[in-house]
Amino acid sequence: MSVITIPQGMPQYADKPRFDVEKIRADFPILSRTVNGHPLVYLDSAATSQKPRQVVEAIADHYLNHNANVARSVHTLGTEATEAYEGARALVAGFIGARAPEEIVFTKNSTESINLVAHAFSPTAADPRFRLGPGDEVVISEMEHHSNLVPWQMVCERTGATLKWFGVTDQGRLDESDLDGLITERTKIVSLVHYSNVLGTINATARITKRVREVGALLMLDCSQTVPHLPFDVVDYDVDFVAFTGHKMLGPTGVGVLWGRSELLEAMPPFLGGGSMVETVTMPKTTFAPPPARFEAGTPPIAEAVGLGAAVRYLQDIGMEAIQWHEKELTAYALDALATVPGLNLVGPSVPVGRGGTLSFSLAAADGTPIHPHDVGQVLDSLGIQVRVGHHCARPTCVRFGVAALTRASFYLYTTTDEVDALVRGLDQVRKVFA
């Protein structure tokens, strides 16, 4: 199969940021290994990104030279660990444009971050912004990851509130045709994915934000796929809460982030009780520390936060605009390349506008018989190509498009056009196997 060329109609930008993908790949030792005798082609970054040696070395250095618990000791190691942990908080705050480090709560992942916010809503909440009961409404969408669906289902079942959702168009965009009917004076919170982990859609939120502000509701964005790939500023987006996770942005597993407006975090009750989140403790009663400590009970993910800080520095050194442009061009190339594969049906936007480098599709044999994504994934793996198969923790999205499962290829700053070509050749092999 011939190598795909960038389409002639694709715009070329003379002033685009400099980007050296081969130099970047040299920082990721895993990318030089083989799988089943073939060069590794890693196309599963939407599930978890690979880690550069700078991040791994930062974690190792912490454990080898600075390991201690935080906020509990006056000795040298304890001070060093606390400074590293809080330094990571400041790095993350700067990375997303937070007003202060205290607006950053470290969690273990996006799922915990979303659950933390959902936990604040109840019929008896002291702050009326979090008071939720029968007659009140929560709005999500049909393209949510389960982590931004199940917690709100649970909250509505617990409080008697009503769950509503935006539909998805055939083109994989949010259906905003009934925006005013979905977001009303009864709405207490709208919680939406910003960048779909299945469709690759990057949602334009301006009209939704405007409507949320008109009715006095709160707005949360699940930015698990956004923060690793795009410049993102919480002030510019005028949101109330943002959730994202370290392991999708070159950092380690086990550390996530909740950003919240400081006045909202101060109004929220603790999520977990225990050490380090208290102000005073007596046998009858406990008072709680201000945010973010209020939400970080027990020993936090110290080394993981240090690793996340190193990941932020790495991304900043390259530049998020440069990463965005690399992925934009790569996505245009991949959309054109996959369009040459017979029997392939892309689910999601078919143009590289308002979408990122996450491409999900179904594949059929020459006679039109669907090839199960698990079979697609196994054949590709035999060729060293790592893709994701299944419903991607977004089953309602798959149901919306009439499929039980999809194959997903997802890109990042270290992905190359050669790897896209390898995917296209691999899919040709899959169709030959099932001819």
Protein backbone atom coordinates (compact mmCIF):
# COMPACT_ATOMS: atom_id res chain seq x y z
CA MET A 1 0.00 0.00 0.00
CA SER A 2 1.39 3.40 -0.92
CA VAL A 3 2.19 6.02 1.67
CA ILE A 4 -0.57 8.59 2.11
CA THR A 5 0.36 12.20 1.36
CA ILE A 6 -1.04 15.27 3.08
CA PRO A 7 -4.07 16.43 1.07
CA GLN A 8 -3.42 19.35 -1.29
CA GLY A 9 -6.28 21.35 0.16
CA MET A 10 -4.91 21.23 3.68
CA PRO A 11 -3.78 24.71 4.83
CA GLN A 12 -0.08 25.20 5.48
CA TYR A 13 0.89 27.74 8.14
CA ALA A 14 4.22 29.51 7.73
CA ASP A 15 4.05 30.81 11.30
CA LYS A 16 3.17 27.54 13.00
CA PRO A 17 5.31 26.69 16.07
CA ARG A 18 8.49 24.64 15.62
CA PHE A 19 8.03 20.97 16.44
CA ASP A 20 10.56 18.13 16.20
CA VAL A 21 8.69 14.86 16.68
CA GLU A 22 11.80 12.67 16.32
CA LYS A 23 13.59 14.62 19.04
CA ILE A 24 10.53 14.21 21.27
CA ARG A 25 10.31 10.47 20.58
CA ALA A 26 13.88 10.06 21.82
CA ASP A 27 12.62 10.98 25.30
CA PHE A 28 10.27 7.95 25.32
CA PRO A 29 12.32 4.73 25.52
CA ILE A 30 9.23 2.54 25.18
CA LEU A 31 8.66 3.81 21.64
CA SER A 32 11.84 2.07 20.47
CA ARG A 33 10.75 -1.41 21.57
CA THR A 34 9.16 -4.10 19.44
CA VAL A 35 5.88 -5.97 19.90
CA ASN A 36 5.43 -9.39 18.33
CA GLY A 37 8.56 -8.80 16.28
CA HIS A 38 7.32 -5.48 14.85
CA PRO A 39 8.19 -1.90 15.77
CA LEU A 40 5.79 -0.61 18.41
CA VAL A 41 3.09 1.67 17.01
CA TYR A 42 1.36 3.15 20.04
CA LEU A 43 -2.05 4.58 19.13
CA ASP A 44 -3.80 4.43 22.51
CA SER A 45 -2.89 7.74 24.13
CA ALA A 46 -6.54 8.59 24.86
CA ALA A 47 -6.47 5.71 27.35
CA THR A 48 -3.08 6.58 28.80
CA SER A 49 -0.07 8.43 27.46
CA GLN A 50 3.47 7.16 27.46
CA LYS A 51 5.92 8.82 29.87
CA PRO A 52 9.13 10.65 28.96
CA ARG A 53 12.27 9.76 30.85
CA GLN A 54 12.21 13.22 32.48
CA VAL A 55 8.99 12.32 34.32
CA VAL A 56 10.19 8.87 35.35
CA GLU A 57 13.50 10.32 36.57
CA ALA A 58 11.72 13.01 38.60
CA ILE A 59 9.66 10.35 40.39
CA ALA A 60 12.73 8.18 40.97
CA ASP A 61 14.71 11.14 42.30
CA HIS A 62 11.95 11.96 44.74
CA TYR A 63 11.85 8.41 46.12
CA LEU A 64 15.62 8.00 46.15
CA ASN A 65 16.57 11.37 47.64
CA HIS A 66 13.60 13.27 49.11
CA ASN A 67 11.05 10.71 50.27
CA ALA A 68 8.99 11.73 53.32
CA ASN A 69 5.40 12.56 54.17
CA VAL A 70 4.11 16.07 53.61
CA ALA A 71 2.78 18.75 55.95
CA ARG A 72 3.61 16.69 59.05
CA SER A 73 7.27 17.21 59.78
CA VAL A 74 9.77 19.97 60.41
CA HIS A 75 12.73 17.79 59.45
CA THR A 76 14.63 18.34 56.21
CA LEU A 77 13.16 15.49 54.19
CA GLY A 78 9.62 16.40 55.23
CA THR A 79 10.24 20.01 54.23
CA GLU A 80 11.67 18.96 50.86
CA ALA A 81 8.74 16.64 50.16
CA THR A 82 6.21 19.33 51.11
CA GLU A 83 7.93 21.90 48.93
CA ALA A 84 7.98 19.49 45.98
CA TYR A 85 4.30 18.59 46.46
CA GLU A 86 3.15 22.20 46.77
CA GLY A 87 5.48 23.18 43.96
CA ALA A 88 3.67 20.71 41.71
CA ARG A 89 0.37 22.30 42.73
CA ALA A 90 1.69 25.71 41.69
CA LEU A 91 2.93 24.33 38.35
CA VAL A 92 -0.46 22.82 37.57
CA ALA A 93 -2.23 26.03 38.57
CA GLY A 94 -0.08 28.06 36.22
CA PHE A 95 -0.54 25.55 33.43
CA ILE A 96 -4.33 26.03 33.31
CA GLY A 97 -4.44 29.70 34.30
CA ALA A 98 -5.82 29.24 37.82
CA ARG A 99 -5.91 32.35 39.95
CA ALA A 100 -4.09 30.65 42.84
CA PRO A 101 -2.54 27.26 43.67
CA GLU A 102 -5.20 26.81 46.36
CA GLU A 103 -7.75 26.29 43.58
CA ILE A 104 -6.00 23.02 42.66
CA VAL A 105 -7.15 19.88 44.49
CA PHE A 106 -5.11 16.74 43.92
CA THR A 107 -7.24 13.62 43.51
CA LYS A 108 -6.39 10.20 42.12
CA ASN A 109 -8.01 10.75 38.69
CA SER A 110 -10.73 12.61 36.79
CA THR A 111 -13.36 10.21 38.09
CA GLU A 112 -12.62 11.11 41.69
CA SER A 113 -12.57 14.80 40.79
CA ILE A 114 -16.06 14.61 39.30
CA ASN A 115 -17.36 12.53 42.20
CA LEU A 116 -15.97 15.11 44.63
CA VAL A 117 -18.09 17.82 43.03
CA ALA A 118 -21.15 15.58 42.74
CA HIS A 119 -20.85 14.72 46.45
CA ALA A 120 -21.36 18.41 47.32
CA PHE A 121 -24.95 18.37 46.01
CA SER A 122 -27.70 17.37 48.42
CA PRO A 123 -31.16 18.49 49.55
CA THR A 124 -29.67 19.87 52.78
CA ALA A 125 -26.56 21.61 51.42
CA ALA A 126 -25.77 24.73 53.41
CA ASP A 127 -24.99 26.72 50.28
CA PRO A 128 -28.03 27.12 47.98
CA ARG A 129 -25.85 26.68 44.91
CA PHE A 130 -25.36 23.04 45.94
CA ARG A 131 -28.89 22.41 47.20
CA LEU A 132 -30.42 19.75 44.97
CA GLY A 133 -33.75 17.98 45.30
CA PRO A 134 -37.00 17.10 43.53
CA GLY A 135 -37.79 19.66 40.83
CA ASP A 136 -34.13 20.51 40.29
CA GLU A 137 -32.20 19.37 37.22
CA VAL A 138 -28.70 18.21 36.26
CA VAL A 139 -27.64 18.41 32.61
CA ILE A 140 -24.98 16.26 30.93
CA SER A 141 -24.65 14.90 27.36
CA GLU A 142 -24.93 11.70 25.37
CA MET A 143 -21.19 11.74 24.61
CA GLU A 144 -19.99 11.52 28.21
CA HIS A 145 -17.43 9.08 29.54
CA HIS A 146 -19.04 6.99 32.28
CA SER A 147 -17.06 9.04 34.83
CA ASN A 148 -19.18 12.08 33.98
CA LEU A 149 -22.42 10.11 33.72
CA VAL A 150 -22.65 7.60 36.55
CA PRO A 151 -21.88 10.07 39.40
CA TRP A 152 -24.70 12.36 38.24
CA GLN A 153 -27.10 9.43 37.89
CA MET A 154 -26.25 8.49 41.48
CA VAL A 155 -26.75 12.07 42.70
CA CYS A 156 -30.14 12.32 41.00
CA GLU A 157 -31.25 8.98 42.45
CA ARG A 158 -30.13 10.11 45.91
CA THR A 159 -31.72 13.57 45.78
CA GLY A 160 -34.77 13.10 43.56
CA ALA A 161 -33.43 15.57 41.00
CA THR A 162 -33.96 15.03 37.27
CA LEU A 163 -31.13 14.11 34.89
CA LYS A 164 -31.30 15.65 31.40
CA TRP A 165 -28.84 15.51 28.52
CA PHE A 166 -27.82 16.98 25.20
CA GLY A 167 -28.13 14.59 22.29
CA VAL A 168 -25.46 14.04 19.63
CA THR A 169 -25.92 14.78 15.93
CA ASP A 170 -25.11 12.32 13.17
CA GLN A 171 -21.90 14.30 12.62
CA GLY A 172 -20.80 13.70 16.20
CA ARG A 173 -21.50 17.20 17.50
CA LEU A 174 -23.53 18.26 20.51
CA ASP A 175 -27.15 18.88 19.53
CA GLU A 176 -27.83 22.37 20.89
CA SER A 177 -31.14 22.81 19.04
CA ASP A 178 -33.08 22.81 22.33
CA LEU A 179 -30.50 24.64 24.42
CA ASP A 180 -33.03 26.83 26.25
CA GLY A 181 -35.28 23.84 26.92
CA LEU A 182 -32.47 21.75 28.37
CA ILE A 183 -30.87 24.43 30.55
CA THR A 184 -33.60 26.18 32.52
CA GLU A 185 -34.12 28.00 35.81
CA ARG A 186 -34.39 24.54 37.39
CA THR A 187 -30.86 23.59 36.30
CA LYS A 188 -28.33 23.49 39.15
CA ILE A 189 -25.28 22.20 37.28
CA VAL A 190 -24.28 21.42 33.70
CA SER A 191 -21.38 18.95 33.50
CA LEU A 192 -20.03 18.26 30.01
CA VAL A 193 -17.11 16.61 28.33
CA HIS A 194 -15.00 19.18 26.49
CA TYR A 195 -13.11 16.75 24.20
CA SER A 196 -14.83 13.42 23.56
CA ASN A 197 -12.74 10.32 24.20
CA VAL A 198 -14.71 8.43 21.51
CA LEU A 199 -15.79 10.93 18.85
CA GLY A 200 -12.77 13.23 19.07
CA THR A 201 -15.21 16.15 19.11
CA ILE A 202 -13.99 19.32 20.79
CA ASN A 203 -17.12 21.03 22.01
CA ALA A 204 -17.60 24.75 21.53
CA THR A 205 -18.97 25.85 24.89
CA ALA A 206 -19.62 29.59 24.50
CA ARG A 207 -23.39 29.35 23.88
CA ILE A 208 -23.80 26.80 26.66
CA THR A 209 -21.79 28.93 29.09
CA LYS A 210 -23.89 31.98 28.25
CA ARG A 211 -27.10 30.05 28.94
CA VAL A 212 -25.71 28.59 32.17
CA ARG A 213 -24.92 32.09 33.42
CA GLU A 214 -28.39 33.34 32.41
CA VAL A 215 -30.11 30.75 34.62
CA GLY A 216 -27.63 30.95 37.51
CA ALA A 217 -26.40 27.36 37.30
CA LEU A 218 -22.88 25.98 37.71
CA LEU A 219 -20.74 24.64 34.87
CA MET A 220 -18.21 21.80 35.00
CA LEU A 221 -16.03 20.56 32.14
CA ASP A 222 -14.43 17.14 31.94
CA CYS A 223 -11.10 18.09 30.37
CA SER A 224 -9.38 14.71 30.64
CA GLN A 225 -8.62 14.79 26.91
CA THR A 226 -8.32 18.57 26.61
CA VAL A 227 -5.56 19.57 29.01
CA PRO A 228 -3.00 17.10 27.55
CA HIS A 229 -3.53 18.28 23.97
CA LEU A 230 -4.62 21.93 23.82
CA PRO A 231 -3.82 25.25 25.48
CA PHE A 232 -6.51 25.64 28.13
CA ASP A 233 -7.25 28.53 30.48
CA VAL A 234 -9.95 28.21 33.12
CA VAL A 235 -10.57 31.96 33.17
CA ASP A 236 -11.01 32.20 29.40
CA TYR A 237 -13.53 29.35 29.45
CA ASP A 238 -15.52 30.92 32.33
CA VAL A 239 -16.18 27.59 34.04
CA ASP A 240 -16.74 26.72 37.69
CA PHE A 241 -15.02 23.32 37.85
CA VAL A 242 -12.57 21.42 35.65
CA ALA A 243 -11.48 17.81 36.01
CA PHE A 244 -8.46 16.17 34.39
CA THR A 245 -5.95 13.43 35.09
CA GLY A 246 -2.17 13.06 35.14
CA HIS A 247 -1.71 9.81 33.28
CA LYS A 248 -3.15 11.14 30.01
CA MET A 249 -0.73 14.11 29.98
CA LEU A 250 2.64 12.29 30.30
CA GLY A 251 2.33 12.02 34.09
CA PRO A 252 1.97 8.95 36.30
CA THR A 253 -1.19 7.09 37.16
CA GLY A 254 -2.80 7.73 40.54
CA VAL A 255 -2.96 11.53 40.41
CA GLY A 256 -5.73 13.71 39.04
CA VAL A 257 -6.82 17.32 39.41
CA LEU A 258 -9.96 19.18 40.32
CA TRP A 259 -9.84 22.89 39.67
CA GLY A 260 -12.63 24.92 41.22
CA ARG A 261 -13.40 28.57 41.82
CA SER A 262 -12.09 29.32 45.29
CA GLU A 263 -15.44 30.62 46.58
CA LEU A 264 -17.12 27.39 45.49
CA LEU A 265 -14.46 25.12 47.00
CA GLU A 266 -14.83 27.01 50.27
CA ALA A 267 -18.60 26.34 50.23
CA MET A 268 -18.25 22.59 49.59
CA PRO A 269 -18.25 19.94 52.33
CA PRO A 270 -15.37 17.45 52.65
CA PHE A 271 -15.42 14.41 50.41
CA LEU A 272 -13.41 12.13 52.71
CA GLY A 273 -12.67 12.42 56.42
CA GLY A 274 -9.35 11.73 58.12
CA GLY A 275 -5.95 13.20 58.71
CA SER A 276 -4.64 16.40 57.14
CA MET A 277 -8.07 17.75 56.19
CA VAL A 278 -8.93 19.04 59.66
CA GLU A 279 -8.59 22.33 61.48
CA THR A 280 -9.50 21.27 65.02
CA VAL A 281 -10.60 17.87 66.31
CA THR A 282 -12.44 17.17 69.56
CA MET A 283 -14.37 14.07 70.54
CA PRO A 284 -17.78 15.67 69.88
CA LYS A 285 -16.92 17.71 66.76
CA THR A 286 -14.36 18.46 64.05
CA THR A 287 -13.86 21.60 62.03
CA PHE A 288 -12.27 21.37 58.64
CA ALA A 289 -9.27 22.96 56.97
CA PRO A 290 -9.76 25.39 54.11
CA PRO A 291 -9.37 24.14 50.53
CA PRO A 292 -7.48 22.42 49.07
CA ALA A 293 -6.45 20.54 52.23
CA ARG A 294 -10.12 19.95 53.08
CA PHE A 295 -10.37 17.61 50.10
CA GLU A 296 -7.02 15.82 50.48
CA ALA A 297 -7.58 13.49 53.42
CA GLY A 298 -4.77 11.15 54.37
CA THR A 299 -1.38 10.80 52.73
CA PRO A 300 -1.76 12.27 49.24
CA PRO A 301 -0.14 11.04 45.99
CA ILE A 302 3.13 12.83 46.71
CA ALA A 303 5.53 11.24 44.22
CA GLU A 304 2.73 11.14 41.64
CA ALA A 305 2.19 14.90 42.04
CA VAL A 306 5.93 15.43 41.63
CA GLY A 307 5.75 13.40 38.42
CA LEU A 308 2.79 15.43 37.23
CA GLY A 309 4.75 18.61 37.88
CA ALA A 310 7.59 17.24 35.74
CA ALA A 311 5.08 16.41 33.00
CA VAL A 312 3.76 19.97 33.09
CA ARG A 313 7.30 21.33 32.74
CA TYR A 314 7.92 19.00 29.80
CA LEU A 315 4.74 20.12 28.02
CA GLN A 316 5.52 23.77 28.71
CA ASP A 317 9.03 23.41 27.30
CA ILE A 318 7.61 22.07 24.02
CA GLY A 319 4.68 24.47 24.02
CA MET A 320 1.00 23.56 23.98
CA GLU A 321 0.40 25.51 20.77
CA ALA A 322 3.11 23.47 19.05
CA ILE A 323 1.52 20.24 20.28
CA GLN A 324 -1.90 21.45 19.12
CA TRP A 325 -0.60 22.20 15.61
CA HIS A 326 1.22 18.88 15.35
CA GLU A 327 -1.93 16.99 16.26
CA LYS A 328 -4.10 19.13 13.99
CA GLU A 329 -1.95 18.29 10.97
CA LEU A 330 -1.68 14.65 12.03
CA THR A 331 -5.47 14.41 12.39
CA ALA A 332 -6.04 15.87 8.92
CA TYR A 333 -3.53 13.37 7.53
CA ALA A 334 -5.19 10.47 9.35
CA LEU A 335 -8.71 11.40 8.29
CA ASP A 336 -7.55 11.45 4.68
CA ALA A 337 -5.66 8.17 5.12
CA LEU A 338 -8.50 6.28 6.79
CA ALA A 339 -10.88 7.43 4.06
CA THR A 340 -8.92 5.16 1.69
CA VAL A 341 -9.71 2.02 3.73
CA PRO A 342 -12.65 0.09 2.21
CA GLY A 343 -15.34 -0.87 4.70
CA LEU A 344 -14.23 1.66 7.33
CA ASN A 345 -16.93 3.84 8.90
CA LEU A 346 -15.67 6.73 11.02
CA VAL A 347 -17.85 7.73 13.99
CA GLY A 348 -17.42 11.41 14.78
CA PRO A 349 -16.51 14.55 12.83
CA SER A 350 -15.00 13.77 9.43
CA VAL A 351 -13.13 17.07 9.11
CA PRO A 352 -10.20 18.33 11.23
CA VAL A 353 -12.20 21.28 12.57
CA GLY A 354 -13.51 21.20 16.13
CA ARG A 355 -12.03 17.75 16.63
CA GLY A 356 -8.85 16.20 17.95
CA GLY A 357 -6.68 13.20 17.18
CA THR A 358 -9.03 10.52 18.53
CA LEU A 359 -10.56 8.50 15.71
CA SER A 360 -13.09 5.73 16.36
CA PHE A 361 -14.43 3.51 13.63
CA SER A 362 -16.07 0.26 12.64
CA LEU A 363 -14.67 -2.02 9.92
CA ALA A 364 -16.37 -4.42 7.56
CA ALA A 365 -15.03 -7.24 5.39
CA ALA A 366 -15.25 -7.16 1.59
CA ASP A 367 -18.69 -8.79 1.67
CA GLY A 368 -19.98 -6.19 4.12
CA THR A 369 -19.84 -8.44 7.18
CA PRO A 370 -18.85 -6.41 10.25
CA ILE A 371 -15.47 -7.34 11.75
CA HIS A 372 -15.67 -7.27 15.54
CA PRO A 373 -13.40 -4.59 17.04
CA HIS A 374 -11.76 -7.20 19.29
CA ASP A 375 -10.72 -9.10 16.17
CA VAL A 376 -9.45 -5.88 14.60
CA GLY A 377 -7.44 -5.14 17.73
CA GLN A 378 -5.92 -8.62 17.90
CA VAL A 379 -4.76 -8.61 14.28
CA LEU A 380 -3.32 -5.11 14.67
CA ASP A 381 -1.54 -6.16 17.87
CA SER A 382 0.08 -9.04 16.01
CA LEU A 383 1.60 -6.33 13.80
CA GLY A 384 2.78 -4.25 16.77
CA ILE A 385 -0.03 -1.70 16.46
CA GLN A 386 -1.71 -0.83 19.75
CA VAL A 387 -5.27 0.50 19.49
CA ARG A 388 -8.24 0.49 21.86
CA VAL A 389 -11.35 -1.61 21.30
CA GLY A 390 -14.69 -1.73 23.12
CA HIS A 391 -17.20 0.90 24.20
CA HIS A 392 -14.45 3.07 25.71
CA CYS A 393 -16.40 3.66 28.94
CA ALA A 394 -18.94 5.59 26.88
CA ARG A 395 -21.58 3.01 26.09
CA PRO A 396 -24.43 5.50 25.48
CA THR A 397 -22.31 7.11 22.76
CA CYS A 398 -21.86 3.76 21.05
CA VAL A 399 -25.58 3.02 21.38
CA ARG A 400 -26.34 6.41 19.80
CA PHE A 401 -24.44 5.31 16.70
CA GLY A 402 -25.89 1.82 16.65
CA VAL A 403 -22.75 -0.13 17.56
CA ALA A 404 -21.80 -2.26 20.55
CA ALA A 405 -18.11 -1.42 20.25
CA LEU A 406 -15.60 0.52 18.17
CA THR A 407 -11.91 0.47 17.32
CA ARG A 408 -10.14 3.66 18.43
CA ALA A 409 -6.79 5.08 17.36
CA SER A 410 -5.63 8.08 19.36
CA PHE A 411 -2.60 10.30 18.85
CA TYR A 412 -0.30 12.49 20.91
CA LEU A 413 2.79 14.63 20.55
CA TYR A 414 4.99 11.60 19.79
CA THR A 415 2.76 10.14 17.04
CA THR A 416 4.04 10.28 13.44
CA THR A 417 2.54 10.07 9.98
CA ASP A 418 4.54 6.86 9.50
CA GLU A 419 2.51 5.35 12.33
CA VAL A 420 -0.72 6.43 10.66
CA ASP A 421 0.49 4.70 7.50
CA ALA A 422 1.24 1.57 9.56
CA LEU A 423 -2.34 1.65 10.86
CA VAL A 424 -3.74 1.88 7.33
CA ARG A 425 -1.57 -1.05 6.19
CA GLY A 426 -2.63 -2.98 9.30
CA LEU A 427 -6.31 -2.45 8.58
CA ASP A 428 -5.70 -3.75 5.07
CA GLN A 429 -4.25 -6.88 6.67
CA VAL A 430 -7.29 -7.21 8.93
CA ARG A 431 -9.60 -7.20 5.92
CA LYS A 432 -7.46 -9.83 4.21
CA VAL A 433 -7.66 -12.07 7.27
CA PHE A 434 -11.45 -11.82 7.26
CA ALA A 435 -11.91 -11.93 3.48
